[in-house]
Amino acid sequence: MQPQIIGTGVGRTGTYSLKLALEQLGFGPCYHMEEVAKNMDTHLPRWQAALAGDPDWQTLYQGYGSAVDWPTSGFYRELYAAYPNAKFVLTVRSPESWAASFGETINALIGSKEKAPPPMWEWLDMAKAVIERTGFQVGSSPEKMAEDFSKHTAAVKAAIPASQLLVFEVAQGWQPLCDFLQVNAPDSPFPRSNNREEFWELVKGAAS
């Protein structure tokens, strides 16, 4: 199994909700940064190799039907070349609200690396490197982060053919996603997960 659906949206754009939605629709398991945190011994070296210019996508995504969030979204150009027939989903929100959420979660976590358990340090270094290769500078002002978020959105739209790309806000619910994937929309509510409090709970789980 290799990913049919690839997320190009960065963390804090509803990527965890999208993961749950894709799994509910049968496009799982869905790869997410959480997978790296839970399997650091095997997954972290693979992303470190990708950052060094030597990715092994087949091994990295073996067994996953979809992939979202960082680190995946930091390699959208390479993944389009590797999976030219895949469908791509760009999760978005207002740049200002994204910058605020990013600042209070991912940026805060990476900026206080020394307070995290030492086994997490390499993972945080990888995350920072992926974020920066995506076009963001950790520690930037909210205004600069919002500006770079808009640039990322434009860059993805320029790189992926419109016929294979859905620009999606999770608040839109099932219908746009299901229409794009050509599947029936479930009767259940669209998943809503990983708010700021849940983010820190996931981090605590990774550290334990």
Protein backbone atom coordinates (compact mmCIF):
# COMPACT_ATOMS: atom_id res chain seq x y z
CA MET A 1 0.00 0.00 0.00
CA GLN A 2 1.22 3.48 -0.92
CA PRO A 3 -0.52 6.84 -0.39
CA GLN A 4 -3.32 7.76 -2.76
CA ILE A 5 -4.01 11.04 -0.95
CA ILE A 6 -1.21 13.42 0.07
CA GLY A 7 -1.72 16.47 2.26
CA THR A 8 0.21 19.60 1.39
CA GLY A 9 -1.17 21.66 4.25
CA VAL A 10 1.15 22.45 7.15
CA GLY A 11 0.55 21.67 10.81
CA ARG A 12 -2.22 23.61 12.59
CA THR A 13 -4.50 23.69 9.51
CA GLY A 14 -6.74 20.83 10.62
CA THR A 15 -4.37 18.11 9.50
CA TYR A 16 -5.24 15.78 12.37
CA SER A 17 -8.95 16.16 11.64
CA LEU A 18 -8.19 15.41 7.98
CA LYS A 19 -6.23 12.31 9.03
CA LEU A 20 -9.23 11.01 10.95
CA ALA A 21 -11.57 11.86 8.05
CA LEU A 22 -9.43 10.06 5.47
CA GLU A 23 -9.22 7.00 7.67
CA GLN A 24 -12.98 7.03 8.10
CA LEU A 25 -13.38 7.18 4.33
CA GLY A 26 -11.14 4.16 3.83
CA PHE A 27 -7.94 5.94 2.79
CA GLY A 28 -5.98 4.88 5.84
CA PRO A 29 -3.88 4.30 7.70
CA CYS A 30 -2.98 7.97 7.32
CA TYR A 31 0.59 9.07 7.99
CA HIS A 32 0.92 12.10 10.31
CA MET A 33 3.74 13.60 12.39
CA GLU A 34 2.34 11.55 15.25
CA GLU A 35 3.64 8.43 13.49
CA VAL A 36 7.20 9.78 13.68
CA ALA A 37 6.81 10.63 17.35
CA LYS A 38 5.50 7.15 18.14
CA ASN A 39 8.12 5.31 16.06
CA MET A 40 11.22 7.45 16.38
CA ASP A 41 13.70 4.60 16.15
CA THR A 42 12.60 3.68 12.62
CA HIS A 43 10.83 6.73 11.20
CA LEU A 44 13.08 9.55 12.37
CA PRO A 45 16.18 8.31 10.45
CA ARG A 46 14.11 8.07 7.28
CA TRP A 47 13.09 11.71 7.51
CA GLN A 48 16.62 12.73 8.38
CA ALA A 49 17.71 10.96 5.19
CA ALA A 50 15.00 12.76 3.21
CA LEU A 51 16.24 16.09 4.55
CA ALA A 52 19.75 15.12 3.46
CA GLY A 53 18.49 14.54 -0.07
CA ASP A 54 18.18 10.75 0.06
CA PRO A 55 14.47 9.93 0.54
CA ASP A 56 13.05 6.41 0.36
CA TRP A 57 9.36 7.15 -0.10
CA GLN A 58 8.41 3.53 -0.77
CA THR A 59 9.76 2.41 2.60
CA LEU A 60 8.62 5.50 4.46
CA TYR A 61 4.98 5.24 3.38
CA GLN A 62 4.72 1.46 3.13
CA GLY A 63 1.37 0.42 4.58
CA TYR A 64 -0.17 3.91 4.52
CA GLY A 65 -3.05 4.82 2.22
CA SER A 66 -2.66 8.57 2.75
CA ALA A 67 -0.34 11.10 4.38
CA VAL A 68 -0.90 14.56 5.85
CA ASP A 69 0.81 17.18 8.04
CA TRP A 70 4.50 17.84 8.46
CA PRO A 71 6.91 16.30 7.59
CA THR A 72 4.98 15.14 4.49
CA SER A 73 3.84 18.63 3.51
CA GLY A 74 7.43 19.86 3.47
CA PHE A 75 8.16 17.60 0.50
CA TYR A 76 5.11 18.21 -1.69
CA ARG A 77 7.13 18.84 -4.85
CA GLU A 78 9.14 15.66 -4.42
CA LEU A 79 6.01 13.68 -3.57
CA TYR A 80 4.19 14.95 -6.64
CA ALA A 81 7.13 13.69 -8.71
CA ALA A 82 7.09 10.34 -6.88
CA TYR A 83 3.30 9.92 -6.94
CA PRO A 84 2.11 11.78 -10.05
CA ASN A 85 -1.30 10.11 -9.98
CA ALA A 86 -2.07 10.87 -6.34
CA LYS A 87 -4.64 13.43 -5.22
CA PHE A 88 -3.42 16.31 -3.06
CA VAL A 89 -5.29 18.19 -0.33
CA LEU A 90 -4.13 21.64 0.78
CA THR A 91 -5.67 22.43 4.15
CA VAL A 92 -5.89 26.16 4.80
CA ARG A 93 -7.28 28.69 7.28
CA SER A 94 -6.87 32.42 7.66
CA PRO A 95 -3.14 33.24 7.77
CA GLU A 96 -3.55 35.28 10.94
CA SER A 97 -5.39 32.55 12.87
CA TRP A 98 -2.85 29.99 11.67
CA ALA A 99 0.07 32.13 12.85
CA ALA A 100 -1.52 32.50 16.29
CA SER A 101 -2.14 28.75 16.59
CA PHE A 102 1.33 27.85 15.31
CA GLY A 103 2.91 30.32 17.72
CA GLU A 104 1.19 28.82 20.76
CA THR A 105 1.92 25.19 19.82
CA ILE A 106 4.63 24.05 17.39
CA ASN A 107 6.70 27.22 17.59
CA ALA A 108 6.56 27.20 21.40
CA LEU A 109 7.50 23.52 21.54
CA ILE A 110 10.52 23.86 19.24
CA GLY A 111 11.58 27.12 20.87
CA SER A 112 11.80 25.42 24.27
CA LYS A 113 13.55 22.26 23.10
CA GLU A 114 15.85 22.21 26.11
CA LYS A 115 12.81 21.73 28.38
CA ALA A 116 11.72 18.61 26.49
CA PRO A 117 13.03 15.14 27.40
CA PRO A 118 16.39 14.57 25.62
CA PRO A 119 15.02 11.62 23.58
CA MET A 120 12.75 14.13 21.82
CA TRP A 121 15.52 16.51 20.78
CA GLU A 122 16.41 14.85 17.48
CA TRP A 123 12.73 14.70 16.57
CA LEU A 124 12.34 18.40 17.31
CA ASP A 125 15.45 19.19 15.27
CA MET A 126 13.98 17.26 12.33
CA ALA A 127 10.66 19.07 12.72
CA LYS A 128 12.39 22.44 12.72
CA ALA A 129 14.39 21.55 9.61
CA VAL A 130 11.27 20.42 7.76
CA ILE A 131 9.34 23.53 8.77
CA GLU A 132 12.14 25.74 7.54
CA ARG A 133 12.49 23.90 4.22
CA THR A 134 8.74 24.49 3.78
CA GLY A 135 9.39 28.23 3.87
CA PHE A 136 8.88 29.19 7.52
CA GLN A 137 11.45 30.49 9.98
CA VAL A 138 10.83 29.20 13.48
CA GLY A 139 10.73 32.13 15.88
CA SER A 140 9.49 34.65 13.32
CA SER A 141 6.92 37.28 14.22
CA PRO A 142 3.24 36.40 13.76
CA GLU A 143 3.08 38.86 10.87
CA LYS A 144 5.97 37.15 9.07
CA MET A 145 4.48 33.73 9.76
CA ALA A 146 1.15 34.81 8.27
CA GLU A 147 2.91 36.18 5.21
CA ASP A 148 4.86 32.95 4.74
CA PHE A 149 1.68 30.91 5.16
CA SER A 150 0.14 32.76 2.22
CA LYS A 151 3.30 32.13 0.21
CA HIS A 152 3.10 28.42 0.94
CA THR A 153 -0.50 28.30 -0.25
CA ALA A 154 0.47 30.02 -3.49
CA ALA A 155 3.49 27.76 -3.98
CA VAL A 156 1.43 24.59 -3.62
CA LYS A 157 -1.15 25.86 -6.08
CA ALA A 158 1.65 26.60 -8.56
CA ALA A 159 3.26 23.17 -8.15
CA ILE A 160 0.26 20.82 -8.21
CA PRO A 161 -2.17 20.73 -11.18
CA ALA A 162 -5.56 22.14 -10.22
CA SER A 163 -7.27 18.92 -11.33
CA GLN A 164 -5.37 17.00 -8.63
CA LEU A 165 -5.54 19.58 -5.85
CA LEU A 166 -8.29 20.38 -3.36
CA VAL A 167 -7.89 23.58 -1.35
CA PHE A 168 -9.84 22.71 1.76
CA GLU A 169 -10.89 24.20 5.09
CA VAL A 170 -11.93 21.51 7.53
CA ALA A 171 -14.81 23.75 8.65
CA GLN A 172 -16.36 23.02 5.22
CA GLY A 173 -17.07 19.47 6.35
CA TRP A 174 -17.41 16.30 4.33
CA GLN A 175 -18.87 17.43 1.03
CA PRO A 176 -15.93 19.16 -0.73
CA LEU A 177 -13.55 16.40 0.36
CA CYS A 178 -15.87 13.57 -0.64
CA ASP A 179 -16.70 15.19 -3.98
CA PHE A 180 -12.98 15.51 -4.70
CA LEU A 181 -12.29 11.90 -3.71
CA GLN A 182 -15.44 10.67 -5.46
CA VAL A 183 -16.83 8.87 -2.43
CA ASN A 184 -20.08 9.17 -0.51
CA ALA A 185 -20.16 11.55 2.43
CA PRO A 186 -20.79 9.85 5.81
CA ASP A 187 -23.82 10.75 7.90
CA SER A 188 -21.63 11.34 10.94
CA PRO A 189 -20.11 14.75 11.79
CA PHE A 190 -16.75 15.63 10.28
CA PRO A 191 -13.95 14.89 12.78
CA ARG A 192 -12.78 17.81 14.89
CA SER A 193 -9.55 17.13 16.70
CA ASN A 194 -6.17 18.46 17.84
CA ASN A 195 -7.08 21.85 19.22
CA ARG A 196 -4.34 23.53 21.21
CA GLU A 197 -5.06 21.58 24.39
CA GLU A 198 -5.08 18.28 22.48
CA PHE A 199 -1.81 19.23 20.78
CA TRP A 200 -0.03 19.38 24.13
CA GLU A 201 -1.60 16.10 25.19
CA LEU A 202 -0.21 14.46 22.04
CA VAL A 203 3.21 15.93 22.82
CA LYS A 204 3.07 14.53 26.36
CA GLY A 205 2.20 11.12 24.90
CA ALA A 206 5.19 11.27 22.56
CA ALA A 207 7.48 12.18 25.42
CA SER A 208 6.34 9.32 27.63
